[in-house]
Amino acid sequence: MTGRQRCGLGLIITSFIIWACILLLPFTELAGAEQVMWGGVIYGISYGVFFLGIVLLGKEMWAKIKAGTRRIFRRGSKQNPPQS
């Protein structure tokens, strides 16, 4: 893994951490409208950081991550269909 790809992976992980900060907003002393505004700002920043990370990773590495994620969340087995 190159330095550029490590940086991209680090940015993707950082984007999830930034996104998780939205869960802390209800516990702040901000007014409701301010919480909504900050939630949008935090979401926008995490979205931008995520896609910057994808660009730095490159197509090949992103394809490997997607394939691994699909393998984890795949439902059932296609080899043994249910019998009726």
Protein backbone atom coordinates (compact mmCIF):
# COMPACT_ATOMS: atom_id res chain seq x y z
CA MET A 1 0.00 0.00 0.00
CA THR A 2 1.48 3.33 -1.02
CA GLY A 3 1.63 6.44 1.12
CA ARG A 4 -1.13 8.02 -0.96
CA GLN A 5 -3.39 5.02 -0.37
CA ARG A 6 -2.65 5.04 3.37
CA CYS A 7 -3.60 8.71 3.48
CA GLY A 8 -6.82 7.94 1.60
CA LEU A 9 -7.72 5.12 3.98
CA GLY A 10 -6.95 7.39 6.93
CA LEU A 11 -9.27 10.05 5.50
CA ILE A 12 -12.09 7.52 5.09
CA ILE A 13 -11.71 6.38 8.70
CA THR A 14 -11.55 10.03 9.81
CA SER A 15 -14.77 10.76 7.90
CA PHE A 16 -16.59 8.09 9.94
CA ILE A 17 -15.27 9.62 13.16
CA ILE A 18 -16.40 13.09 12.04
CA TRP A 19 -19.81 11.69 11.10
CA ALA A 20 -20.13 10.06 14.54
CA CYS A 21 -19.76 13.52 16.11
CA ILE A 22 -23.32 14.23 14.95
CA LEU A 23 -24.48 11.88 17.71
CA LEU A 24 -23.04 14.28 20.30
CA LEU A 25 -25.13 17.26 19.18
CA PRO A 26 -28.21 16.50 21.33
CA PHE A 27 -26.01 16.75 24.41
CA THR A 28 -24.78 20.28 23.65
CA GLU A 29 -26.31 23.50 24.92
CA LEU A 30 -27.05 24.71 21.39
CA ALA A 31 -30.57 25.74 20.37
CA GLY A 32 -32.51 23.38 18.11
CA ALA A 33 -31.89 25.38 14.93
CA GLU A 34 -28.17 25.60 15.71
CA GLN A 35 -28.00 21.85 16.25
CA VAL A 36 -29.58 21.28 12.84
CA MET A 37 -27.16 23.72 11.22
CA TRP A 38 -24.12 22.11 12.86
CA GLY A 39 -25.42 18.67 11.96
CA GLY A 40 -25.51 19.70 8.31
CA VAL A 41 -22.04 21.22 8.51
CA ILE A 42 -20.58 18.12 10.16
CA TYR A 43 -22.28 15.84 7.64
CA GLY A 44 -21.01 17.93 4.72
CA ILE A 45 -17.45 17.89 6.04
CA SER A 46 -17.52 14.12 6.60
CA TYR A 47 -18.92 13.62 3.08
CA GLY A 48 -16.15 15.71 1.54
CA VAL A 49 -13.42 13.99 3.55
CA PHE A 50 -14.82 10.58 2.59
CA PHE A 51 -14.76 11.29 -1.14
CA LEU A 52 -11.32 12.87 -0.94
CA GLY A 53 -10.18 9.61 0.67
CA ILE A 54 -11.71 7.61 -2.18
CA VAL A 55 -9.88 9.74 -4.73
CA LEU A 56 -6.58 9.16 -2.93
CA LEU A 57 -7.20 5.41 -2.65
CA GLY A 58 -7.72 4.93 -6.36
CA LYS A 59 -10.15 2.77 -8.32
CA GLU A 60 -8.44 -0.54 -7.72
CA MET A 61 -8.22 -0.25 -3.94
CA TRP A 62 -11.78 1.12 -3.66
CA ALA A 63 -13.04 -1.86 -5.70
CA LYS A 64 -11.32 -4.22 -3.23
CA ILE A 65 -12.95 -2.46 -0.26
CA LYS A 66 -16.40 -2.59 -1.91
CA ALA A 67 -16.00 -6.29 -2.69
CA GLY A 68 -14.99 -7.02 0.90
CA THR A 69 -17.93 -5.06 2.25
CA ARG A 70 -20.36 -6.86 -0.04
CA ARG A 71 -18.94 -10.19 1.10
CA ILE A 72 -19.54 -9.25 4.74
CA PHE A 73 -23.13 -8.07 4.22
CA ARG A 74 -24.20 -10.72 1.73
CA ARG A 75 -27.39 -12.47 2.80
CA GLY A 76 -27.66 -16.21 2.69
CA SER A 77 -25.78 -18.61 0.52
CA LYS A 78 -26.43 -18.98 -3.20
CA GLN A 79 -25.00 -22.52 -3.16
CA ASN A 80 -27.82 -24.09 -1.13
CA PRO A 81 -31.21 -22.56 -1.99
CA PRO A 82 -34.05 -23.30 0.49
CA GLN A 83 -36.10 -26.45 -0.20
CA SER A 84 -39.89 -26.30 -0.05
